[in-house]
PDB file of N, CA and C in Angstrom:
ATOM      1  N   MET A   1       0.684  -1.456   0.020  1.00  0.00           N
ATOM      2  CA  MET A   1       0.113   0.119   0.180  1.00  0.00           C
ATOM      3  C   MET A   1       0.915   0.946   0.120  1.00  0.00           C
ATOM      4  N   THR A   2       0.680   2.084  -0.873  1.00  0.00           N
ATOM      5  CA  THR A   2       1.529   3.700  -0.612  1.00  0.00           C
ATOM      6  C   THR A   2       0.511   4.513  -0.370  1.00  0.00           C
ATOM      7  N   GLN A   3       1.416   5.517   0.494  1.00  0.00           N
ATOM      8  CA  GLN A   3       1.108   6.265   1.237  1.00  0.00           C
ATOM      9  C   GLN A   3       0.012   7.007   0.350  1.00  0.00           C
ATOM     10  N   SER A   4      -0.628   7.081  -0.331  1.00  0.00           N
ATOM     11  CA  SER A   4      -1.923   8.267  -1.915  1.00  0.00           C
ATOM     12  C   SER A   4      -3.126   7.513  -1.458  1.00  0.00           C
ATOM     13  N   GLU A   5      -2.620   5.898  -0.960  1.00  0.00           N
ATOM     14  CA  GLU A   5      -3.931   5.428  -0.396  1.00  0.00           C
ATOM     15  C   GLU A   5      -4.601   5.890   0.184  1.00  0.00           C
ATOM     16  N   PRO A   6      -6.464   5.667   0.104  1.00  0.00           N
ATOM     17  CA  PRO A   6      -7.166   6.253   1.387  1.00  0.00           C
ATOM     18  C   PRO A   6      -6.979   4.835   2.267  1.00  0.00           C
ATOM     19  N   GLN A   7      -7.204   5.716   3.614  1.00  0.00           N
ATOM     20  CA  GLN A   7      -7.164   4.304   4.539  1.00  0.00           C
ATOM     21  C   GLN A   7      -8.222   3.805   4.725  1.00  0.00           C
ATOM     22  N   LYS A   8      -8.029   2.644   5.270  1.00  0.00           N
ATOM     23  CA  LYS A   8      -9.573   2.173   5.252  1.00  0.00           C
ATOM     24  C   LYS A   8     -10.880   2.480   6.565  1.00  0.00           C
ATOM     25  N   LYS A   9     -11.899   2.516   6.830  1.00  0.00           N
ATOM     26  CA  LYS A   9     -12.845   2.663   7.490  1.00  0.00           C
ATOM     27  C   LYS A   9     -12.788   2.140   8.769  1.00  0.00           C
ATOM     28  N   THR A  10     -12.912   2.476   9.874  1.00  0.00           N
ATOM     29  CA  THR A  10     -13.395   1.951  11.038  1.00  0.00           C
ATOM     30  C   THR A  10     -14.328   0.763  10.847  1.00  0.00           C
ATOM     31  N   SER A  11     -14.252  -0.228  11.114  1.00  0.00           N
ATOM     32  CA  SER A  11     -14.655  -1.547  11.246  1.00  0.00           C
ATOM     33  C   SER A  11     -16.398  -1.081  12.255  1.00  0.00           C
ATOM     34  N   GLY A  12     -17.115  -1.458  12.082  1.00  0.00           N
ATOM     35  CA  GLY A  12     -18.640  -1.081  13.258  1.00  0.00           C
ATOM     36  C   GLY A  12     -18.183  -1.821  14.540  1.00  0.00           C
ATOM     37  N   PHE A  13     -17.119  -2.358  14.441  1.00  0.00           N
ATOM     38  CA  PHE A  13     -16.971  -2.766  16.138  1.00  0.00           C
ATOM     39  C   PHE A  13     -16.437  -2.112  16.947  1.00  0.00           C
ATOM     40  N   MET A  14     -15.761  -1.085  16.375  1.00  0.00           N
ATOM     41  CA  MET A  14     -14.866  -0.247  17.322  1.00  0.00           C
ATOM     42  C   MET A  14     -15.850   1.110  17.280  1.00  0.00           C
ATOM     43  N   LYS A  15     -17.201   1.777  16.512  1.00  0.00           N
ATOM     44  CA  LYS A  15     -17.711   2.258  16.484  1.00  0.00           C
ATOM     45  C   LYS A  15     -18.451   2.763  17.981  1.00  0.00           C
ATOM     46  N   ALA A  16     -18.837   3.670  18.253  1.00  0.00           N
ATOM     47  CA  ALA A  16     -18.492   3.858  20.172  1.00  0.00           C
ATOM     48  C   ALA A  16     -20.234   4.087  19.989  1.00  0.00           C
ATOM     49  N   LEU A  17     -20.484   2.848  20.686  1.00  0.00           N
ATOM     50  CA  LEU A  17     -22.703   2.867  21.319  1.00  0.00           C
ATOM     51  C   LEU A  17     -22.615   3.591  22.569  1.00  0.00           C
ATOM     52  N   LYS A  18     -24.091   3.810  22.877  1.00  0.00           N
ATOM     53  CA  LYS A  18     -24.645   4.121  23.929  1.00  0.00           C
ATOM     54  C   LYS A  18     -25.352   2.950  24.447  1.00  0.00           C
ATOM     55  N   PRO A  19     -24.835   2.305  25.856  1.00  0.00           N
ATOM     56  CA  PRO A  19     -25.904   1.212  26.574  1.00  0.00           C
ATOM     57  C   PRO A  19     -26.777   1.719  26.817  1.00  0.00           C
ATOM     58  N   SER A  20     -28.319   0.876  27.439  1.00  0.00           N
ATOM     59  CA  SER A  20     -29.413   1.323  27.859  1.00  0.00           C
ATOM     60  C   SER A  20     -29.017   1.397  28.930  1.00  0.00           C
ATOM     61  N   ALA A  21     -30.363   2.219  29.630  1.00  0.00           N
ATOM     62  CA  ALA A  21     -29.657   2.318  31.693  1.00  0.00           C
ATOM     63  C   ALA A  21     -29.466   0.884  32.212  1.00  0.00           C
ATOM     64  N   GLN A  22     -30.381  -0.046  31.570  1.00  0.00           N
ATOM     65  CA  GLN A  22     -30.204  -1.263  31.707  1.00  0.00           C
ATOM     66  C   GLN A  22     -28.336  -2.060  32.040  1.00  0.00           C
ATOM     67  N   LEU A  23     -28.155  -1.587  30.907  1.00  0.00           N
ATOM     68  CA  LEU A  23     -27.010  -2.396  30.618  1.00  0.00           C
ATOM     69  C   LEU A  23     -26.172  -1.235  31.117  1.00  0.00           C
ATOM     70  N   ALA A  24     -25.935   0.202  31.345  1.00  0.00           N
ATOM     71  CA  ALA A  24     -24.911   0.878  32.126  1.00  0.00           C
ATOM     72  C   ALA A  24     -25.091   0.629  33.662  1.00  0.00           C
ATOM     73  N   ALA A  25     -25.932   0.324  34.321  1.00  0.00           N
ATOM     74  CA  ALA A  25     -25.958  -0.419  35.498  1.00  0.00           C
ATOM     75  C   ALA A  25     -24.669  -1.371  35.739  1.00  0.00           C
ATOM     76  N   VAL A  26     -24.542  -2.298  34.733  1.00  0.00           N
ATOM     77  CA  VAL A  26     -23.377  -2.904  34.949  1.00  0.00           C
ATOM     78  C   VAL A  26     -21.918  -2.584  34.529  1.00  0.00           C
ATOM     79  N   ILE A  27     -22.153  -1.826  33.205  1.00  0.00           N
ATOM     80  CA  ILE A  27     -20.897  -1.876  32.212  1.00  0.00           C
ATOM     81  C   ILE A  27     -20.321  -0.191  32.527  1.00  0.00           C
ATOM     82  N   GLY A  28     -21.318   0.724  32.635  1.00  0.00           N
ATOM     83  CA  GLY A  28     -21.368   1.819  33.431  1.00  0.00           C
ATOM     84  C   GLY A  28     -22.117   2.541  32.096  1.00  0.00           C
ATOM     85  N   SER A  29     -22.159   4.105  31.892  1.00  0.00           N
ATOM     86  CA  SER A  29     -22.793   5.000  30.905  1.00  0.00           C
ATOM     87  C   SER A  29     -22.186   5.455  29.986  1.00  0.00           C
ATOM     88  N   ASP A  30     -21.343   5.714  29.921  1.00  0.00           N
ATOM     89  CA  ASP A  30     -19.894   5.982  28.311  1.00  0.00           C
ATOM     90  C   ASP A  30     -20.325   4.815  27.144  1.00  0.00           C
ATOM     91  N   ALA A  31     -20.454   5.866  26.417  1.00  0.00           N
ATOM     92  CA  ALA A  31     -20.346   5.140  25.209  1.00  0.00           C
ATOM     93  C   ALA A  31     -18.871   4.189  24.311  1.00  0.00           C
ATOM     94  N   VAL A  32     -18.979   3.235  24.355  1.00  0.00           N
ATOM     95  CA  VAL A  32     -17.507   2.689  24.128  1.00  0.00           C
ATOM     96  C   VAL A  32     -18.357   1.348  23.414  1.00  0.00           C
ATOM     97  N   PRO A  33     -17.107   0.976  22.421  1.00  0.00           N
ATOM     98  CA  PRO A  33     -17.297   0.076  21.081  1.00  0.00           C
ATOM     99  C   PRO A  33     -17.871  -0.729  21.386  1.00  0.00           C
ATOM    100  N   ARG A  34     -18.372  -2.013  20.687  1.00  0.00           N
ATOM    101  CA  ARG A  34     -18.984  -3.144  21.196  1.00  0.00           C
ATOM    102  C   ARG A  34     -17.876  -3.972  21.822  1.00  0.00           C
ATOM    103  N   THR A  35     -16.331  -3.961  20.945  1.00  0.00           N
ATOM    104  CA  THR A  35     -15.002  -5.226  22.175  1.00  0.00           C
ATOM    105  C   THR A  35     -15.096  -4.272  23.407  1.00  0.00           C
ATOM    106  N   GLU A  36     -14.889  -3.391  23.523  1.00  0.00           N
ATOM    107  CA  GLU A  36     -15.235  -2.488  25.069  1.00  0.00           C
ATOM    108  C   GLU A  36     -16.358  -3.017  26.123  1.00  0.00           C
ATOM    109  N   VAL A  37     -17.196  -3.267  25.570  1.00  0.00           N
ATOM    110  CA  VAL A  37     -18.864  -3.457  26.148  1.00  0.00           C
ATOM    111  C   VAL A  37     -18.628  -5.322  26.543  1.00  0.00           C
ATOM    112  N   THR A  38     -18.256  -5.734  25.755  1.00  0.00           N
ATOM    113  CA  THR A  38     -17.769  -7.374  26.422  1.00  0.00           C
ATOM    114  C   THR A  38     -16.931  -7.389  27.024  1.00  0.00           C
ATOM    115  N   LYS A  39     -15.702  -6.781  26.868  1.00  0.00           N
ATOM    116  CA  LYS A  39     -14.241  -6.760  28.024  1.00  0.00           C
ATOM    117  C   LYS A  39     -15.470  -6.195  29.427  1.00  0.00           C
ATOM    118  N   ARG A  40     -15.817  -5.227  29.505  1.00  0.00           N
ATOM    119  CA  ARG A  40     -16.663  -4.817  31.079  1.00  0.00           C
ATOM    120  C   ARG A  40     -17.461  -5.872  30.936  1.00  0.00           C
ATOM    121  N   LEU A  41     -18.454  -6.524  30.497  1.00  0.00           N
ATOM    122  CA  LEU A  41     -19.240  -7.478  30.607  1.00  0.00           C
ATOM    123  C   LEU A  41     -18.123  -8.787  31.296  1.00  0.00           C
ATOM    124  N   TRP A  42     -17.493  -9.170  30.563  1.00  0.00           N
ATOM    125  CA  TRP A  42     -16.758 -10.594  31.228  1.00  0.00           C
ATOM    126  C   TRP A  42     -15.772  -9.942  32.663  1.00  0.00           C
ATOM    127  N   ALA A  43     -15.844  -8.719  32.824  1.00  0.00           N
ATOM    128  CA  ALA A  43     -14.939  -8.260  34.043  1.00  0.00           C
ATOM    129  C   ALA A  43     -16.142  -7.779  35.531  1.00  0.00           C
ATOM    130  N   TYR A  44     -17.133  -7.970  34.738  1.00  0.00           N
ATOM    131  CA  TYR A  44     -18.127  -8.022  35.814  1.00  0.00           C
ATOM    132  C   TYR A  44     -18.758  -9.436  36.566  1.00  0.00           C
ATOM    133  N   ILE A  45     -19.045 -10.102  35.483  1.00  0.00           N
ATOM    134  CA  ILE A  45     -19.157 -11.317  35.241  1.00  0.00           C
ATOM    135  C   ILE A  45     -18.229 -12.180  36.638  1.00  0.00           C
ATOM    136  N   LYS A  46     -16.459 -12.010  35.653  1.00  0.00           N
ATOM    137  CA  LYS A  46     -15.710 -12.680  36.688  1.00  0.00           C
ATOM    138  C   LYS A  46     -15.708 -12.145  38.487  1.00  0.00           C
ATOM    139  N   GLU A  47     -15.745 -10.635  38.595  1.00  0.00           N
ATOM    140  CA  GLU A  47     -15.628 -10.293  39.739  1.00  0.00           C
ATOM    141  C   GLU A  47     -16.692 -10.719  40.744  1.00  0.00           C
ATOM    142  N   HIS A  48     -18.428 -10.807  39.732  1.00  0.00           N
ATOM    143  CA  HIS A  48     -19.111 -11.661  40.954  1.00  0.00           C
ATOM    144  C   HIS A  48     -19.389 -12.779  40.528  1.00  0.00           C
ATOM    145  N   ASN A  49     -18.333 -13.636  40.209  1.00  0.00           N
ATOM    146  CA  ASN A  49     -18.356 -14.941  40.135  1.00  0.00           C
ATOM    147  C   ASN A  49     -19.670 -15.851  39.441  1.00  0.00           C
ATOM    148  N   LEU A  50     -20.265 -15.098  38.619  1.00  0.00           N
ATOM    149  CA  LEU A  50     -20.990 -15.391  38.124  1.00  0.00           C
ATOM    150  C   LEU A  50     -21.009 -16.794  37.022  1.00  0.00           C
ATOM    151  N   GLN A  51     -19.999 -17.256  36.735  1.00  0.00           N
ATOM    152  CA  GLN A  51     -19.890 -18.262  35.174  1.00  0.00           C
ATOM    153  C   GLN A  51     -20.566 -19.221  36.690  1.00  0.00           C
ATOM    154  N   ASN A  52     -21.052 -20.279  35.577  1.00  0.00           N
ATOM    155  CA  ASN A  52     -21.517 -21.633  36.364  1.00  0.00           C
ATOM    156  C   ASN A  52     -20.191 -22.606  36.108  1.00  0.00           C
ATOM    157  N   PRO A  53     -20.303 -23.372  38.067  1.00  0.00           N
ATOM    158  CA  PRO A  53     -18.949 -24.226  37.923  1.00  0.00           C
ATOM    159  C   PRO A  53     -18.938 -25.141  37.281  1.00  0.00           C
ATOM    160  N   GLN A  54     -20.337 -25.655  37.095  1.00  0.00           N
ATOM    161  CA  GLN A  54     -20.531 -27.334  36.414  1.00  0.00           C
ATOM    162  C   GLN A  54     -20.153 -26.912  34.399  1.00  0.00           C
ATOM    163  N   ASN A  55     -20.836 -25.639  34.106  1.00  0.00           N
ATOM    164  CA  ASN A  55     -20.366 -25.816  32.572  1.00  0.00           C
ATOM    165  C   ASN A  55     -20.061 -24.211  32.813  1.00  0.00           C
ATOM    166  N   LYS A  56     -18.861 -23.476  32.661  1.00  0.00           N
ATOM    167  CA  LYS A  56     -18.552 -22.816  32.200  1.00  0.00           C
ATOM    168  C   LYS A  56     -18.673 -21.751  31.320  1.00  0.00           C
ATOM    169  N   ARG A  57     -19.307 -21.967  30.370  1.00  0.00           N
ATOM    170  CA  ARG A  57     -19.856 -21.584  28.951  1.00  0.00           C
ATOM    171  C   ARG A  57     -21.307 -20.304  29.517  1.00  0.00           C
ATOM    172  N   ASN A  58     -21.606 -21.213  30.448  1.00  0.00           N
ATOM    173  CA  ASN A  58     -22.981 -20.126  31.103  1.00  0.00           C
ATOM    174  C   ASN A  58     -22.783 -19.181  31.933  1.00  0.00           C
ATOM    175  N   ILE A  59     -23.621 -17.956  32.020  1.00  0.00           N
ATOM    176  CA  ILE A  59     -23.498 -17.236  32.635  1.00  0.00           C
ATOM    177  C   ILE A  59     -24.924 -17.080  33.930  1.00  0.00           C
ATOM    178  N   LEU A  60     -24.455 -17.115  34.969  1.00  0.00           N
ATOM    179  CA  LEU A  60     -25.628 -17.103  35.789  1.00  0.00           C
ATOM    180  C   LEU A  60     -25.941 -15.803  36.436  1.00  0.00           C
ATOM    181  N   CYS A  61     -26.922 -15.404  36.298  1.00  0.00           N
ATOM    182  CA  CYS A  61     -27.709 -13.937  36.048  1.00  0.00           C
ATOM    183  C   CYS A  61     -27.930 -13.217  37.009  1.00  0.00           C
ATOM    184  N   ASP A  62     -27.025 -12.023  38.022  1.00  0.00           N
ATOM    185  CA  ASP A  62     -27.577 -11.406  39.006  1.00  0.00           C
ATOM    186  C   ASP A  62     -28.959 -10.538  38.288  1.00  0.00           C
ATOM    187  N   ASP A  63     -29.327 -10.015  39.720  1.00  0.00           N
ATOM    188  CA  ASP A  63     -30.595  -9.025  39.201  1.00  0.00           C
ATOM    189  C   ASP A  63     -29.690  -8.076  38.090  1.00  0.00           C
ATOM    190  N   LYS A  64     -28.943  -7.055  38.144  1.00  0.00           N
ATOM    191  CA  LYS A  64     -28.598  -6.492  36.851  1.00  0.00           C
ATOM    192  C   LYS A  64     -28.331  -7.276  35.703  1.00  0.00           C
ATOM    193  N   LEU A  65     -27.903  -8.316  35.550  1.00  0.00           N
ATOM    194  CA  LEU A  65     -27.759  -9.016  34.375  1.00  0.00           C
ATOM    195  C   LEU A  65     -28.426  -9.304  33.555  1.00  0.00           C
ATOM    196  N   LYS A  66     -29.484  -9.743  34.663  1.00  0.00           N
ATOM    197  CA  LYS A  66     -30.979 -10.352  34.290  1.00  0.00           C
ATOM    198  C   LYS A  66     -31.698  -9.716  33.606  1.00  0.00           C
ATOM    199  N   ALA A  67     -31.827  -7.794  34.335  1.00  0.00           N
ATOM    200  CA  ALA A  67     -32.402  -6.746  33.608  1.00  0.00           C
ATOM    201  C   ALA A  67     -31.902  -6.980  32.226  1.00  0.00           C
ATOM    202  N   VAL A  68     -30.788  -7.411  31.776  1.00  0.00           N
ATOM    203  CA  VAL A  68     -29.999  -6.693  29.990  1.00  0.00           C
ATOM    204  C   VAL A  68     -30.252  -7.989  29.765  1.00  0.00           C
ATOM    205  N   MET A  69     -30.028  -9.233  30.196  1.00  0.00           N
ATOM    206  CA  MET A  69     -30.356 -10.812  29.230  1.00  0.00           C
ATOM    207  C   MET A  69     -31.730 -11.324  29.240  1.00  0.00           C
ATOM    208  N   GLY A  70     -32.817 -11.210  30.251  1.00  0.00           N
ATOM    209  CA  GLY A  70     -33.507 -11.285  30.509  1.00  0.00           C
ATOM    210  C   GLY A  70     -34.545 -12.600  30.711  1.00  0.00           C
ATOM    211  N   LYS A  71     -33.823 -13.426  31.596  1.00  0.00           N
ATOM    212  CA  LYS A  71     -33.213 -14.855  31.881  1.00  0.00           C
ATOM    213  C   LYS A  71     -32.543 -14.938  33.051  1.00  0.00           C
ATOM    214  N   ASP A  72     -32.213 -15.850  34.014  1.00  0.00           N
ATOM    215  CA  ASP A  72     -31.636 -16.503  34.699  1.00  0.00           C
ATOM    216  C   ASP A  72     -30.236 -16.719  34.446  1.00  0.00           C
ATOM    217  N   GLU A  73     -29.746 -17.409  33.410  1.00  0.00           N
ATOM    218  CA  GLU A  73     -28.819 -18.293  32.909  1.00  0.00           C
ATOM    219  C   GLU A  73     -28.748 -17.913  30.904  1.00  0.00           C
ATOM    220  N   VAL A  74     -27.904 -17.385  30.766  1.00  0.00           N
ATOM    221  CA  VAL A  74     -27.138 -17.337  29.079  1.00  0.00           C
ATOM    222  C   VAL A  74     -25.832 -18.515  28.854  1.00  0.00           C
ATOM    223  N   THR A  75     -26.139 -18.436  27.421  1.00  0.00           N
ATOM    224  CA  THR A  75     -24.573 -18.876  27.347  1.00  0.00           C
ATOM    225  C   THR A  75     -23.819 -17.596  26.706  1.00  0.00           C
ATOM    226  N   MET A  76     -22.462 -17.936  26.548  1.00  0.00           N
ATOM    227  CA  MET A  76     -21.603 -17.253  26.411  1.00  0.00           C
ATOM    228  C   MET A  76     -21.921 -16.288  25.191  1.00  0.00           C
ATOM    229  N   PHE A  77     -22.619 -17.883  24.502  1.00  0.00           N
ATOM    230  CA  PHE A  77     -22.676 -16.639  22.549  1.00  0.00           C
ATOM    231  C   PHE A  77     -24.182 -16.483  22.650  1.00  0.00           C
ATOM    232  N   GLU A  78     -24.987 -16.347  23.872  1.00  0.00           N
ATOM    233  CA  GLU A  78     -26.641 -15.751  23.742  1.00  0.00           C
ATOM    234  C   GLU A  78     -26.318 -14.162  23.932  1.00  0.00           C
ATOM    235  N   MET A  79     -24.947 -14.268  25.018  1.00  0.00           N
ATOM    236  CA  MET A  79     -24.585 -13.009  25.678  1.00  0.00           C
ATOM    237  C   MET A  79     -25.090 -11.560  24.356  1.00  0.00           C
ATOM    238  N   THR A  80     -23.634 -12.028  23.661  1.00  0.00           N
ATOM    239  CA  THR A  80     -23.709 -11.269  22.650  1.00  0.00           C
ATOM    240  C   THR A  80     -24.750 -10.669  21.625  1.00  0.00           C
ATOM    241  N   GLY A  81     -25.761 -11.709  21.478  1.00  0.00           N
ATOM    242  CA  GLY A  81     -26.812 -10.913  20.907  1.00  0.00           C
ATOM    243  C   GLY A  81     -27.977 -10.378  21.750  1.00  0.00           C
ATOM    244  N   LEU A  82     -28.015 -10.439  22.871  1.00  0.00           N
ATOM    245  CA  LEU A  82     -28.858 -10.250  24.059  1.00  0.00           C
ATOM    246  C   LEU A  82     -28.494  -8.815  24.017  1.00  0.00           C
ATOM    247  N   VAL A  83     -27.091  -8.720  24.258  1.00  0.00           N
ATOM    248  CA  VAL A  83     -26.715  -6.895  24.626  1.00  0.00           C
ATOM    249  C   VAL A  83     -27.026  -5.976  23.777  1.00  0.00           C
ATOM    250  N   GLY A  84     -26.633  -7.058  22.471  1.00  0.00           N
ATOM    251  CA  GLY A  84     -26.786  -6.210  20.986  1.00  0.00           C
ATOM    252  C   GLY A  84     -28.038  -5.130  21.201  1.00  0.00           C
ATOM    253  N   LYS A  85     -29.088  -5.274  21.772  1.00  0.00           N
ATOM    254  CA  LYS A  85     -30.393  -4.696  21.451  1.00  0.00           C
ATOM    255  C   LYS A  85     -30.469  -3.404  23.031  1.00  0.00           C
ATOM    256  N   HIS A  86     -29.360  -3.905  24.095  1.00  0.00           N
ATOM    257  CA  HIS A  86     -29.227  -2.647  24.733  1.00  0.00           C
ATOM    258  C   HIS A  86     -28.136  -1.360  24.181  1.00  0.00           C
ATOM    259  N   LEU A  87     -27.437  -1.864  22.798  1.00  0.00           N
ATOM    260  CA  LEU A  87     -26.839  -0.794  22.109  1.00  0.00           C
ATOM    261  C   LEU A  87     -26.921   0.361  21.185  1.00  0.00           C
ATOM    262  N   ALA A  88     -27.075   1.598  21.358  1.00  0.00           N
ATOM    263  CA  ALA A  88     -27.836   2.459  20.245  1.00  0.00           C
ATOM    264  C   ALA A  88     -26.768   3.395  20.142  1.00  0.00           C
ATOM    265  N   GLN A  89     -26.845   3.954  19.034  1.00  0.00           N
ATOM    266  CA  GLN A  89     -25.907   5.221  18.187  1.00  0.00           C
ATOM    267  C   GLN A  89     -26.175   6.491  19.199  1.00  0.00           C
ATOM    268  N   PRO A  90     -25.291   6.744  19.711  1.00  0.00           N
ATOM    269  CA  PRO A  90     -24.955   7.875  20.603  1.00  0.00           C
ATOM    270  C   PRO A  90     -25.729   9.622  20.270  1.00  0.00           C
TER     271      PRO A  90
END
């Protein structure tokens, strides 16, 4: 690539998004990229010991996470889809 070529656009994952009030209770109210949302969610899950001890791929939701996820237990794969509904353009 030469210096005269235009730079690539940043991906959608890097675009800062505003969390809903329910999600903000878990990760904070700052607008952040999806990658940072996932990092902060995992930090919260580990800090509060919310992984299912029998199956570490499942997350046991406390009251704050249940407000975001809508149920008592979710898989780590479900989590990203459910969290996406709580993110909006700032």
